[in-house]
Amino acid sequence: MPGTSLVVPVVLWGKHAPTHCISCIYLSKDQKTLATGCYDGQICLWQVDPDTLEIIPRCLLVGHSAPVLCISKASIIQDNNFIVSSSEAGEMCTWDLIDGKCRELVKLSQVHTNIQVYY
């Protein structure tokens, strides 16, 4: 069987999520999913209860090698469950909010500090 370069990060935490210094925040339109980017290059997805405002960690997304500078919805389409993030190293990732997978990673020579959905 030929070797593979596939790396699958697995992150486990107990009652409390890992601490990270938040650099940017995205709240979904339905206010049930919160994404926080941090200076370690990780993005944490949180489940939010809109009634009680209780925030529960759901998933830690690993893919950036530098601080995450901005996070935005990837499309204005209501049923679109993707966000896009940009890092200080010029990396842009498209993430699936349902399963936490990185769907696309692009390394750019420019650094994006703000992203807005355009229709």
PDB file of N, CA and C in Angstrom:
ATOM      1  N   MET A   1       0.852  -1.175   0.000  1.00  0.00           N
ATOM      2  CA  MET A   1       0.000   0.000   0.000  1.00  0.00           C
ATOM      3  C   MET A   1       0.890   1.227   0.000  1.00  0.00           C
ATOM      4  N   PRO A   2       0.715   2.167  -0.945  1.00  0.00           N
ATOM      5  CA  PRO A   2       1.558   3.354  -0.994  1.00  0.00           C
ATOM      6  C   PRO A   2       1.300   4.259   0.204  1.00  0.00           C
ATOM      7  N   GLY A   3       2.348   4.990   0.607  1.00  0.00           N
ATOM      8  CA  GLY A   3       2.228   5.927   1.724  1.00  0.00           C
ATOM      9  C   GLY A   3       1.403   7.145   1.338  1.00  0.00           C
ATOM     10  N   THR A   4       0.949   7.855   2.333  1.00  0.00           N
ATOM     11  CA  THR A   4       0.144   9.044   2.093  1.00  0.00           C
ATOM     12  C   THR A   4       0.652  10.182   2.973  1.00  0.00           C
ATOM     13  N   SER A   5       0.437  11.392   2.537  1.00  0.00           N
ATOM     14  CA  SER A   5       0.854  12.551   3.329  1.00  0.00           C
ATOM     15  C   SER A   5      -0.328  13.163   4.070  1.00  0.00           C
ATOM     16  N   LEU A   6      -1.442  12.446   4.119  1.00  0.00           N
ATOM     17  CA  LEU A   6      -2.636  12.930   4.789  1.00  0.00           C
ATOM     18  C   LEU A   6      -2.394  13.029   6.289  1.00  0.00           C
ATOM     19  N   VAL A   7      -2.700  14.193   6.852  1.00  0.00           N
ATOM     20  CA  VAL A   7      -2.590  14.404   8.285  1.00  0.00           C
ATOM     21  C   VAL A   7      -3.966  14.775   8.796  1.00  0.00           C
ATOM     22  N   VAL A   8      -4.464  14.046   9.771  1.00  0.00           N
ATOM     23  CA  VAL A   8      -5.782  14.305  10.338  1.00  0.00           C
ATOM     24  C   VAL A   8      -5.592  14.740  11.789  1.00  0.00           C
ATOM     25  N   PRO A   9      -5.736  16.045  12.062  1.00  0.00           N
ATOM     26  CA  PRO A   9      -5.593  16.483  13.451  1.00  0.00           C
ATOM     27  C   PRO A   9      -6.825  16.100  14.268  1.00  0.00           C
ATOM     28  N   VAL A  10      -6.584  15.633  15.466  1.00  0.00           N
ATOM     29  CA  VAL A  10      -7.666  15.300  16.379  1.00  0.00           C
ATOM     30  C   VAL A  10      -7.442  16.110  17.644  1.00  0.00           C
ATOM     31  N   VAL A  11      -8.448  16.856  18.030  1.00  0.00           N
ATOM     32  CA  VAL A  11      -8.356  17.701  19.214  1.00  0.00           C
ATOM     33  C   VAL A  11      -9.445  17.273  20.183  1.00  0.00           C
ATOM     34  N   LEU A  12      -9.047  16.970  21.391  1.00  0.00           N
ATOM     35  CA  LEU A  12      -9.995  16.583  22.423  1.00  0.00           C
ATOM     36  C   LEU A  12      -9.859  17.525  23.605  1.00  0.00           C
ATOM     37  N   TRP A  13     -10.992  17.864  24.202  1.00  0.00           N
ATOM     38  CA  TRP A  13     -10.932  18.625  25.436  1.00  0.00           C
ATOM     39  C   TRP A  13     -12.035  18.140  26.359  1.00  0.00           C
ATOM     40  N   GLY A  14     -11.858  18.399  27.621  1.00  0.00           N
ATOM     41  CA  GLY A  14     -12.834  17.964  28.608  1.00  0.00           C
ATOM     42  C   GLY A  14     -13.968  18.940  28.741  1.00  0.00           C
ATOM     43  N   LYS A  15     -14.254  19.332  29.967  1.00  0.00           N
ATOM     44  CA  LYS A  15     -15.377  20.215  30.247  1.00  0.00           C
ATOM     45  C   LYS A  15     -15.155  21.624  29.715  1.00  0.00           C
ATOM     46  N   HIS A  16     -13.904  22.036  29.594  1.00  0.00           N
ATOM     47  CA  HIS A  16     -13.581  23.389  29.139  1.00  0.00           C
ATOM     48  C   HIS A  16     -12.742  23.336  27.861  1.00  0.00           C
ATOM     49  N   ALA A  17     -13.035  24.257  26.946  1.00  0.00           N
ATOM     50  CA  ALA A  17     -12.274  24.334  25.694  1.00  0.00           C
ATOM     51  C   ALA A  17     -10.868  24.856  25.977  1.00  0.00           C
ATOM     52  N   PRO A  18      -9.913  24.587  25.073  1.00  0.00           N
ATOM     53  CA  PRO A  18      -8.572  25.142  25.254  1.00  0.00           C
ATOM     54  C   PRO A  18      -8.636  26.668  25.266  1.00  0.00           C
ATOM     55  N   THR A  19      -7.788  27.263  26.052  1.00  0.00           N
ATOM     56  CA  THR A  19      -7.759  28.721  26.076  1.00  0.00           C
ATOM     57  C   THR A  19      -7.073  29.214  24.816  1.00  0.00           C
ATOM     58  N   HIS A  20      -7.580  30.264  24.256  1.00  0.00           N
ATOM     59  CA  HIS A  20      -6.895  30.902  23.138  1.00  0.00           C
ATOM     60  C   HIS A  20      -7.240  32.388  23.139  1.00  0.00           C
ATOM     61  N   CYS A  21      -6.287  33.160  22.687  1.00  0.00           N
ATOM     62  CA  CYS A  21      -6.444  34.608  22.643  1.00  0.00           C
ATOM     63  C   CYS A  21      -7.183  34.961  21.356  1.00  0.00           C
ATOM     64  N   ILE A  22      -8.410  35.434  21.460  1.00  0.00           N
ATOM     65  CA  ILE A  22      -9.279  35.671  20.304  1.00  0.00           C
ATOM     66  C   ILE A  22      -8.834  36.903  19.523  1.00  0.00           C
ATOM     67  N   SER A  23      -8.698  36.725  18.211  1.00  0.00           N
ATOM     68  CA  SER A  23      -8.303  37.824  17.325  1.00  0.00           C
ATOM     69  C   SER A  23      -9.458  38.307  16.454  1.00  0.00           C
ATOM     70  N   CYS A  24     -10.476  37.449  16.221  1.00  0.00           N
ATOM     71  CA  CYS A  24     -11.636  37.851  15.417  1.00  0.00           C
ATOM     72  C   CYS A  24     -12.811  36.941  15.746  1.00  0.00           C
ATOM     73  N   ILE A  25     -14.009  37.454  15.456  1.00  0.00           N
ATOM     74  CA  ILE A  25     -15.238  36.731  15.801  1.00  0.00           C
ATOM     75  C   ILE A  25     -16.219  36.793  14.632  1.00  0.00           C
ATOM     76  N   TYR A  26     -16.941  35.703  14.418  1.00  0.00           N
ATOM     77  CA  TYR A  26     -18.029  35.659  13.441  1.00  0.00           C
ATOM     78  C   TYR A  26     -19.224  34.991  14.116  1.00  0.00           C
ATOM     79  N   LEU A  27     -20.397  35.602  14.037  1.00  0.00           N
ATOM     80  CA  LEU A  27     -21.637  35.032  14.553  1.00  0.00           C
ATOM     81  C   LEU A  27     -22.565  34.776  13.371  1.00  0.00           C
ATOM     82  N   SER A  28     -23.046  33.547  13.259  1.00  0.00           N
ATOM     83  CA  SER A  28     -23.932  33.194  12.145  1.00  0.00           C
ATOM     84  C   SER A  28     -25.230  33.981  12.226  1.00  0.00           C
ATOM     85  N   LYS A  29     -25.904  34.078  11.088  1.00  0.00           N
ATOM     86  CA  LYS A  29     -27.126  34.874  11.012  1.00  0.00           C
ATOM     87  C   LYS A  29     -28.218  34.361  11.948  1.00  0.00           C
ATOM     88  N   ASP A  30     -28.284  33.028  12.126  1.00  0.00           N
ATOM     89  CA  ASP A  30     -29.280  32.470  13.041  1.00  0.00           C
ATOM     90  C   ASP A  30     -28.844  32.572  14.504  1.00  0.00           C
ATOM     91  N   GLN A  31     -27.670  33.077  14.736  1.00  0.00           N
ATOM     92  CA  GLN A  31     -27.087  33.303  16.067  1.00  0.00           C
ATOM     93  C   GLN A  31     -26.943  32.013  16.870  1.00  0.00           C
ATOM     94  N   LYS A  32     -26.759  30.894  16.170  1.00  0.00           N
ATOM     95  CA  LYS A  32     -26.577  29.610  16.855  1.00  0.00           C
ATOM     96  C   LYS A  32     -25.149  29.095  16.760  1.00  0.00           C
ATOM     97  N   THR A  33     -24.343  29.669  15.860  1.00  0.00           N
ATOM     98  CA  THR A  33     -22.952  29.263  15.718  1.00  0.00           C
ATOM     99  C   THR A  33     -22.053  30.481  15.811  1.00  0.00           C
ATOM    100  N   LEU A  34     -21.059  30.383  16.681  1.00  0.00           N
ATOM    101  CA  LEU A  34     -20.064  31.437  16.849  1.00  0.00           C
ATOM    102  C   LEU A  34     -18.716  30.859  16.447  1.00  0.00           C
ATOM    103  N   ALA A  35     -17.973  31.574  15.640  1.00  0.00           N
ATOM    104  CA  ALA A  35     -16.625  31.153  15.257  1.00  0.00           C
ATOM    105  C   ALA A  35     -15.646  32.199  15.774  1.00  0.00           C
ATOM    106  N   THR A  36     -14.630  31.745  16.499  1.00  0.00           N
ATOM    107  CA  THR A  36     -13.612  32.656  17.012  1.00  0.00           C
ATOM    108  C   THR A  36     -12.256  32.251  16.458  1.00  0.00           C
ATOM    109  N   GLY A  37     -11.573  33.208  15.839  1.00  0.00           N
ATOM    110  CA  GLY A  37     -10.222  32.984  15.361  1.00  0.00           C
ATOM    111  C   GLY A  37      -9.256  33.432  16.436  1.00  0.00           C
ATOM    112  N   CYS A  38      -8.072  32.818  16.474  1.00  0.00           N
ATOM    113  CA  CYS A  38      -7.131  33.176  17.531  1.00  0.00           C
ATOM    114  C   CYS A  38      -5.738  33.416  16.965  1.00  0.00           C
ATOM    115  N   TYR A  39      -4.885  33.942  17.813  1.00  0.00           N
ATOM    116  CA  TYR A  39      -3.521  34.265  17.422  1.00  0.00           C
ATOM    117  C   TYR A  39      -2.657  33.020  17.226  1.00  0.00           C
ATOM    118  N   ASP A  40      -3.144  31.837  17.645  1.00  0.00           N
ATOM    119  CA  ASP A  40      -2.419  30.582  17.422  1.00  0.00           C
ATOM    120  C   ASP A  40      -2.720  29.984  16.049  1.00  0.00           C
ATOM    121  N   GLY A  41      -3.648  30.589  15.291  1.00  0.00           N
ATOM    122  CA  GLY A  41      -3.998  30.086  13.973  1.00  0.00           C
ATOM    123  C   GLY A  41      -5.160  29.109  13.982  1.00  0.00           C
ATOM    124  N   GLN A  42      -5.796  28.926  15.118  1.00  0.00           N
ATOM    125  CA  GLN A  42      -6.927  28.009  15.211  1.00  0.00           C
ATOM    126  C   GLN A  42      -8.238  28.790  15.148  1.00  0.00           C
ATOM    127  N   ILE A  43      -9.295  28.079  14.785  1.00  0.00           N
ATOM    128  CA  ILE A  43     -10.640  28.641  14.825  1.00  0.00           C
ATOM    129  C   ILE A  43     -11.478  27.697  15.676  1.00  0.00           C
ATOM    130  N   CYS A  44     -12.203  28.241  16.611  1.00  0.00           N
ATOM    131  CA  CYS A  44     -13.067  27.431  17.459  1.00  0.00           C
ATOM    132  C   CYS A  44     -14.515  27.709  17.090  1.00  0.00           C
ATOM    133  N   LEU A  45     -15.275  26.639  16.873  1.00  0.00           N
ATOM    134  CA  LEU A  45     -16.715  26.767  16.625  1.00  0.00           C
ATOM    135  C   LEU A  45     -17.443  26.505  17.930  1.00  0.00           C
ATOM    136  N   TRP A  46     -18.386  27.390  18.230  1.00  0.00           N
ATOM    137  CA  TRP A  46     -19.149  27.316  19.466  1.00  0.00           C
ATOM    138  C   TRP A  46     -20.632  27.209  19.135  1.00  0.00           C
ATOM    139  N   GLN A  47     -21.353  26.421  19.905  1.00  0.00           N
ATOM    140  CA  GLN A  47     -22.805  26.345  19.784  1.00  0.00           C
ATOM    141  C   GLN A  47     -23.382  27.353  20.764  1.00  0.00           C
ATOM    142  N   VAL A  48     -24.256  28.236  20.265  1.00  0.00           N
ATOM    143  CA  VAL A  48     -24.834  29.288  21.086  1.00  0.00           C
ATOM    144  C   VAL A  48     -26.331  29.038  21.242  1.00  0.00           C
ATOM    145  N   ASP A  49     -26.808  29.132  22.478  1.00  0.00           N
ATOM    146  CA  ASP A  49     -28.244  29.068  22.729  1.00  0.00           C
ATOM    147  C   ASP A  49     -28.750  30.512  22.726  1.00  0.00           C
ATOM    148  N   PRO A  50     -29.516  30.923  21.690  1.00  0.00           N
ATOM    149  CA  PRO A  50     -29.952  32.316  21.589  1.00  0.00           C
ATOM    150  C   PRO A  50     -30.822  32.790  22.756  1.00  0.00           C
ATOM    151  N   ASP A  51     -31.494  31.857  23.426  1.00  0.00           N
ATOM    152  CA  ASP A  51     -32.368  32.241  24.536  1.00  0.00           C
ATOM    153  C   ASP A  51     -31.588  32.519  25.822  1.00  0.00           C
ATOM    154  N   THR A  52     -30.650  31.614  26.148  1.00  0.00           N
ATOM    155  CA  THR A  52     -29.902  31.759  27.400  1.00  0.00           C
ATOM    156  C   THR A  52     -28.518  32.366  27.192  1.00  0.00           C
ATOM    157  N   LEU A  53     -28.079  32.457  25.920  1.00  0.00           N
ATOM    158  CA  LEU A  53     -26.736  32.918  25.550  1.00  0.00           C
ATOM    159  C   LEU A  53     -25.629  32.012  26.087  1.00  0.00           C
ATOM    160  N   GLU A  54     -25.976  30.770  26.417  1.00  0.00           N
ATOM    161  CA  GLU A  54     -24.971  29.794  26.832  1.00  0.00           C
ATOM    162  C   GLU A  54     -24.134  29.412  25.608  1.00  0.00           C
ATOM    163  N   ILE A  55     -22.824  29.372  25.784  1.00  0.00           N
ATOM    164  CA  ILE A  55     -21.906  29.060  24.689  1.00  0.00           C
ATOM    165  C   ILE A  55     -21.183  27.760  25.023  1.00  0.00           C
ATOM    166  N   ILE A  56     -21.293  26.778  24.106  1.00  0.00           N
ATOM    167  CA  ILE A  56     -20.695  25.461  24.318  1.00  0.00           C
ATOM    168  C   ILE A  56     -19.702  25.198  23.190  1.00  0.00           C
ATOM    169  N   PRO A  57     -18.443  24.856  23.506  1.00  0.00           N
ATOM    170  CA  PRO A  57     -17.474  24.564  22.450  1.00  0.00           C
ATOM    171  C   PRO A  57     -17.884  23.320  21.677  1.00  0.00           C
ATOM    172  N   ARG A  58     -17.762  23.397  20.353  1.00  0.00           N
ATOM    173  CA  ARG A  58     -18.202  22.295  19.500  1.00  0.00           C
ATOM    174  C   ARG A  58     -17.071  21.671  18.701  1.00  0.00           C
ATOM    175  N   CYS A  59     -16.173  22.508  18.163  1.00  0.00           N
ATOM    176  CA  CYS A  59     -15.165  21.993  17.246  1.00  0.00           C
ATOM    177  C   CYS A  59     -13.983  22.957  17.181  1.00  0.00           C
ATOM    178  N   LEU A  60     -12.777  22.431  17.097  1.00  0.00           N
ATOM    179  CA  LEU A  60     -11.585  23.252  16.928  1.00  0.00           C
ATOM    180  C   LEU A  60     -11.032  23.001  15.528  1.00  0.00           C
ATOM    181  N   LEU A  61     -10.962  24.050  14.715  1.00  0.00           N
ATOM    182  CA  LEU A  61     -10.501  23.936  13.333  1.00  0.00           C
ATOM    183  C   LEU A  61      -9.018  24.291  13.272  1.00  0.00           C
ATOM    184  N   VAL A  62      -8.221  23.384  12.747  1.00  0.00           N
ATOM    185  CA  VAL A  62      -6.771  23.568  12.665  1.00  0.00           C
ATOM    186  C   VAL A  62      -6.391  23.615  11.195  1.00  0.00           C
ATOM    187  N   GLY A  63      -5.722  24.674  10.771  1.00  0.00           N
ATOM    188  CA  GLY A  63      -5.341  24.765   9.364  1.00  0.00           C
ATOM    189  C   GLY A  63      -4.461  25.951   9.052  1.00  0.00           C
ATOM    190  N   HIS A  64      -4.517  26.994   9.863  1.00  0.00           N
ATOM    191  CA  HIS A  64      -3.686  28.169   9.634  1.00  0.00           C
ATOM    192  C   HIS A  64      -2.359  28.044  10.383  1.00  0.00           C
ATOM    193  N   SER A  65      -1.308  28.598   9.807  1.00  0.00           N
ATOM    194  CA  SER A  65       0.011  28.560  10.442  1.00  0.00           C
ATOM    195  C   SER A  65       0.384  29.897  11.080  1.00  0.00           C
ATOM    196  N   ALA A  66      -0.543  30.850  11.059  1.00  0.00           N
ATOM    197  CA  ALA A  66      -0.297  32.187  11.596  1.00  0.00           C
ATOM    198  C   ALA A  66      -1.610  32.697  12.204  1.00  0.00           C
ATOM    199  N   PRO A  67      -1.577  33.827  12.916  1.00  0.00           N
ATOM    200  CA  PRO A  67      -2.799  34.360  13.514  1.00  0.00           C
ATOM    201  C   PRO A  67      -3.917  34.567  12.497  1.00  0.00           C
ATOM    202  N   VAL A  68      -5.146  34.225  12.914  1.00  0.00           N
ATOM    203  CA  VAL A  68      -6.320  34.434  12.076  1.00  0.00           C
ATOM    204  C   VAL A  68      -6.725  35.898  12.200  1.00  0.00           C
ATOM    205  N   LEU A  69      -6.803  36.595  11.066  1.00  0.00           N
ATOM    206  CA  LEU A  69      -7.102  38.027  11.076  1.00  0.00           C
ATOM    207  C   LEU A  69      -8.576  38.331  10.883  1.00  0.00           C
ATOM    208  N   CYS A  70      -9.285  37.510  10.103  1.00  0.00           N
ATOM    209  CA  CYS A  70     -10.698  37.792   9.878  1.00  0.00           C
ATOM    210  C   CYS A  70     -11.439  36.527   9.471  1.00  0.00           C
ATOM    211  N   ILE A  71     -12.729  36.531   9.782  1.00  0.00           N
ATOM    212  CA  ILE A  71     -13.639  35.439   9.443  1.00  0.00           C
ATOM    213  C   ILE A  71     -14.912  36.065   8.897  1.00  0.00           C
ATOM    214  N   SER A  72     -15.466  35.458   7.840  1.00  0.00           N
ATOM    215  CA  SER A  72     -16.691  35.974   7.252  1.00  0.00           C
ATOM    216  C   SER A  72     -17.510  34.821   6.689  1.00  0.00           C
ATOM    217  N   LYS A  73     -18.791  35.071   6.513  1.00  0.00           N
ATOM    218  CA  LYS A  73     -19.647  34.119   5.802  1.00  0.00           C
ATOM    219  C   LYS A  73     -19.122  34.032   4.371  1.00  0.00           C
ATOM    220  N   ALA A  74     -19.145  32.840   3.800  1.00  0.00           N
ATOM    221  CA  ALA A  74     -18.588  32.642   2.468  1.00  0.00           C
ATOM    222  C   ALA A  74     -19.550  33.022   1.357  1.00  0.00           C
ATOM    223  N   SER A  75     -20.836  33.137   1.667  1.00  0.00           N
ATOM    224  CA  SER A  75     -21.829  33.457   0.651  1.00  0.00           C
ATOM    225  C   SER A  75     -23.052  34.064   1.319  1.00  0.00           C
ATOM    226  N   ILE A  76     -23.802  34.864   0.572  1.00  0.00           N
ATOM    227  CA  ILE A  76     -25.028  35.436   1.134  1.00  0.00           C
ATOM    228  C   ILE A  76     -26.209  34.481   1.036  1.00  0.00           C
ATOM    229  N   ILE A  77     -26.032  33.358   0.374  1.00  0.00           N
ATOM    230  CA  ILE A  77     -27.100  32.373   0.254  1.00  0.00           C
ATOM    231  C   ILE A  77     -27.462  31.863   1.647  1.00  0.00           C
ATOM    232  N   GLN A  78     -28.729  31.893   1.984  1.00  0.00           N
ATOM    233  CA  GLN A  78     -29.203  31.580   3.331  1.00  0.00           C
ATOM    234  C   GLN A  78     -28.755  30.203   3.814  1.00  0.00           C
ATOM    235  N   ASP A  79     -28.844  29.182   2.963  1.00  0.00           N
ATOM    236  CA  ASP A  79     -28.537  27.808   3.377  1.00  0.00           C
ATOM    237  C   ASP A  79     -27.062  27.453   3.260  1.00  0.00           C
ATOM    238  N   ASN A  80     -26.222  28.411   2.937  1.00  0.00           N
ATOM    239  CA  ASN A  80     -24.798  28.149   2.797  1.00  0.00           C
ATOM    240  C   ASN A  80     -24.166  28.055   4.185  1.00  0.00           C
ATOM    241  N   ASN A  81     -23.518  26.953   4.472  1.00  0.00           N
ATOM    242  CA  ASN A  81     -22.924  26.720   5.783  1.00  0.00           C
ATOM    243  C   ASN A  81     -21.404  26.821   5.747  1.00  0.00           C
ATOM    244  N   PHE A  82     -20.875  27.729   4.949  1.00  0.00           N
ATOM    245  CA  PHE A  82     -19.433  27.883   4.832  1.00  0.00           C
ATOM    246  C   PHE A  82     -18.992  29.254   5.327  1.00  0.00           C
ATOM    247  N   ILE A  83     -17.818  29.282   5.943  1.00  0.00           N
ATOM    248  CA  ILE A  83     -17.171  30.541   6.289  1.00  0.00           C
ATOM    249  C   ILE A  83     -15.810  30.562   5.632  1.00  0.00           C
ATOM    250  N   VAL A  84     -15.255  31.733   5.484  1.00  0.00           N
ATOM    251  CA  VAL A  84     -13.914  31.889   4.942  1.00  0.00           C
ATOM    252  C   VAL A  84     -13.086  32.634   5.985  1.00  0.00           C
ATOM    253  N   SER A  85     -11.829  32.231   6.123  1.00  0.00           N
ATOM    254  CA  SER A  85     -10.939  32.866   7.089  1.00  0.00           C
ATOM    255  C   SER A  85      -9.629  33.234   6.404  1.00  0.00           C
ATOM    256  N   SER A  86      -8.964  34.239   6.951  1.00  0.00           N
ATOM    257  CA  SER A  86      -7.692  34.696   6.407  1.00  0.00           C
ATOM    258  C   SER A  86      -6.689  34.837   7.543  1.00  0.00           C
ATOM    259  N   SER A  87      -5.439  34.481   7.264  1.00  0.00           N
ATOM    260  CA  SER A  87      -4.410  34.554   8.300  1.00  0.00           C
ATOM    261  C   SER A  87      -3.333  35.563   7.934  1.00  0.00           C
ATOM    262  N   GLU A  88      -2.507  35.855   8.916  1.00  0.00           N
ATOM    263  CA  GLU A  88      -1.402  36.790   8.752  1.00  0.00           C
ATOM    264  C   GLU A  88      -0.370  36.300   7.731  1.00  0.00           C
ATOM    265  N   ALA A  89      -0.370  35.000   7.441  1.00  0.00           N
ATOM    266  CA  ALA A  89       0.569  34.416   6.482  1.00  0.00           C
ATOM    267  C   ALA A  89       0.015  34.414   5.062  1.00  0.00           C
ATOM    268  N   GLY A  90      -1.152  35.029   4.829  1.00  0.00           N
ATOM    269  CA  GLY A  90      -1.749  35.064   3.499  1.00  0.00           C
ATOM    270  C   GLY A  90      -2.557  33.826   3.167  1.00  0.00           C
ATOM    271  N   GLU A  91      -2.828  32.987   4.146  1.00  0.00           N
ATOM    272  CA  GLU A  91      -3.621  31.776   3.920  1.00  0.00           C
ATOM    273  C   GLU A  91      -5.105  32.132   4.002  1.00  0.00           C
ATOM    274  N   MET A  92      -5.871  31.634   3.046  1.00  0.00           N
ATOM    275  CA  MET A  92      -7.328  31.768   3.091  1.00  0.00           C
ATOM    276  C   MET A  92      -7.918  30.364   3.053  1.00  0.00           C
ATOM    277  N   CYS A  93      -8.830  30.093   3.980  1.00  0.00           N
ATOM    278  CA  CYS A  93      -9.458  28.782   4.071  1.00  0.00           C
ATOM    279  C   CYS A  93     -10.967  28.929   3.993  1.00  0.00           C
ATOM    280  N   THR A  94     -11.601  27.965   3.343  1.00  0.00           N
ATOM    281  CA  THR A  94     -13.052  27.854   3.350  1.00  0.00           C
ATOM    282  C   THR A  94     -13.396  26.666   4.237  1.00  0.00           C
ATOM    283  N   TRP A  95     -14.243  26.903   5.233  1.00  0.00           N
ATOM    284  CA  TRP A  95     -14.592  25.898   6.230  1.00  0.00           C
ATOM    285  C   TRP A  95     -16.076  25.546   6.150  1.00  0.00           C
ATOM    286  N   ASP A  96     -16.382  24.289   6.385  1.00  0.00           N
ATOM    287  CA  ASP A  96     -17.758  23.825   6.477  1.00  0.00           C
ATOM    288  C   ASP A  96     -18.170  23.894   7.948  1.00  0.00           C
ATOM    289  N   LEU A  97     -19.203  24.671   8.275  1.00  0.00           N
ATOM    290  CA  LEU A  97     -19.632  24.824   9.658  1.00  0.00           C
ATOM    291  C   LEU A  97     -20.321  23.579  10.212  1.00  0.00           C
ATOM    292  N   ILE A  98     -20.780  22.690   9.346  1.00  0.00           N
ATOM    293  CA  ILE A  98     -21.470  21.486   9.806  1.00  0.00           C
ATOM    294  C   ILE A  98     -20.477  20.453  10.329  1.00  0.00           C
ATOM    295  N   ASP A  99     -19.457  20.119   9.519  1.00  0.00           N
ATOM    296  CA  ASP A  99     -18.523  19.075   9.936  1.00  0.00           C
ATOM    297  C   ASP A  99     -17.131  19.594  10.302  1.00  0.00           C
ATOM    298  N   GLY A 100     -16.881  20.905  10.118  1.00  0.00           N
ATOM    299  CA  GLY A 100     -15.600  21.492  10.508  1.00  0.00           C
ATOM    300  C   GLY A 100     -14.455  21.237   9.542  1.00  0.00           C
ATOM    301  N   LYS A 101     -14.738  20.688   8.373  1.00  0.00           N
ATOM    302  CA  LYS A 101     -13.672  20.387   7.413  1.00  0.00           C
ATOM    303  C   LYS A 101     -13.240  21.636   6.660  1.00  0.00           C
ATOM    304  N   CYS A 102     -11.944  21.694   6.360  1.00  0.00           N
ATOM    305  CA  CYS A 102     -11.417  22.744   5.494  1.00  0.00           C
ATOM    306  C   CYS A 102     -11.666  22.285   4.061  1.00  0.00           C
ATOM    307  N   ARG A 103     -12.502  23.005   3.334  1.00  0.00           N
ATOM    308  CA  ARG A 103     -12.860  22.620   1.972  1.00  0.00           C
ATOM    309  C   ARG A 103     -11.868  23.136   0.941  1.00  0.00           C
ATOM    310  N   GLU A 104     -11.196  24.247   1.254  1.00  0.00           N
ATOM    311  CA  GLU A 104     -10.224  24.808   0.313  1.00  0.00           C
ATOM    312  C   GLU A 104      -9.224  25.655   1.085  1.00  0.00           C
ATOM    313  N   LEU A 105      -7.954  25.550   0.698  1.00  0.00           N
ATOM    314  CA  LEU A 105      -6.889  26.356   1.282  1.00  0.00           C
ATOM    315  C   LEU A 105      -6.086  26.979   0.152  1.00  0.00           C
ATOM    316  N   VAL A 106      -5.923  28.293   0.204  1.00  0.00           N
ATOM    317  CA  VAL A 106      -5.172  29.018  -0.817  1.00  0.00           C
ATOM    318  C   VAL A 106      -4.141  29.882  -0.110  1.00  0.00           C
ATOM    319  N   LYS A 107      -2.930  29.854  -0.602  1.00  0.00           N
ATOM    320  CA  LYS A 107      -1.863  30.707  -0.066  1.00  0.00           C
ATOM    321  C   LYS A 107      -1.669  31.870  -1.037  1.00  0.00           C
ATOM    322  N   LEU A 108      -1.886  33.099  -0.536  1.00  0.00           N
ATOM    323  CA  LEU A 108      -1.803  34.299  -1.360  1.00  0.00           C
ATOM    324  C   LEU A 108      -0.616  35.150  -0.934  1.00  0.00           C
ATOM    325  N   SER A 109      -0.159  35.990  -1.828  1.00  0.00           N
ATOM    326  CA  SER A 109       0.933  36.902  -1.477  1.00  0.00           C
ATOM    327  C   SER A 109       0.397  38.115  -0.713  1.00  0.00           C
ATOM    328  N   GLN A 110      -0.916  38.342  -0.799  1.00  0.00           N
ATOM    329  CA  GLN A 110      -1.532  39.443  -0.065  1.00  0.00           C
ATOM    330  C   GLN A 110      -2.081  38.925   1.268  1.00  0.00           C
ATOM    331  N   VAL A 111      -2.207  39.852   2.220  1.00  0.00           N
ATOM    332  CA  VAL A 111      -2.801  39.522   3.512  1.00  0.00           C
ATOM    333  C   VAL A 111      -4.122  40.261   3.626  1.00  0.00           C
ATOM    334  N   HIS A 112      -5.203  39.530   3.814  1.00  0.00           N
ATOM    335  CA  HIS A 112      -6.529  40.130   3.944  1.00  0.00           C
ATOM    336  C   HIS A 112      -6.823  40.382   5.421  1.00  0.00           C
ATOM    337  N   THR A 113      -7.195  41.603   5.738  1.00  0.00           N
ATOM    338  CA  THR A 113      -7.513  41.957   7.122  1.00  0.00           C
ATOM    339  C   THR A 113      -9.006  42.150   7.338  1.00  0.00           C
ATOM    340  N   ASN A 114      -9.774  42.108   6.254  1.00  0.00           N
ATOM    341  CA  ASN A 114     -11.224  42.236   6.347  1.00  0.00           C
ATOM    342  C   ASN A 114     -11.842  41.542   5.140  1.00  0.00           C
ATOM    343  N   ILE A 115     -12.906  40.802   5.375  1.00  0.00           N
ATOM    344  CA  ILE A 115     -13.615  40.096   4.294  1.00  0.00           C
ATOM    345  C   ILE A 115     -15.094  40.416   4.438  1.00  0.00           C
ATOM    346  N   GLN A 116     -15.738  40.751   3.321  1.00  0.00           N
ATOM    347  CA  GLN A 116     -17.171  41.001   3.318  1.00  0.00           C
ATOM    348  C   GLN A 116     -17.812  40.225   2.189  1.00  0.00           C
ATOM    349  N   VAL A 117     -18.990  39.693   2.455  1.00  0.00           N
ATOM    350  CA  VAL A 117     -19.743  38.975   1.431  1.00  0.00           C
ATOM    351  C   VAL A 117     -20.283  40.002   0.437  1.00  0.00           C
ATOM    352  N   TYR A 118     -20.182  39.680  -0.851  1.00  0.00           N
ATOM    353  CA  TYR A 118     -20.648  40.595  -1.881  1.00  0.00           C
ATOM    354  C   TYR A 118     -21.630  39.858  -2.776  1.00  0.00           C
ATOM    355  N   TYR A 119     -22.718  40.518  -3.129  1.00  0.00           N
ATOM    356  CA  TYR A 119     -23.705  39.926  -4.024  1.00  0.00           C
ATOM    357  C   TYR A 119     -23.812  40.778  -5.260  1.00  0.00           C
TER     358      TYR A 119
END
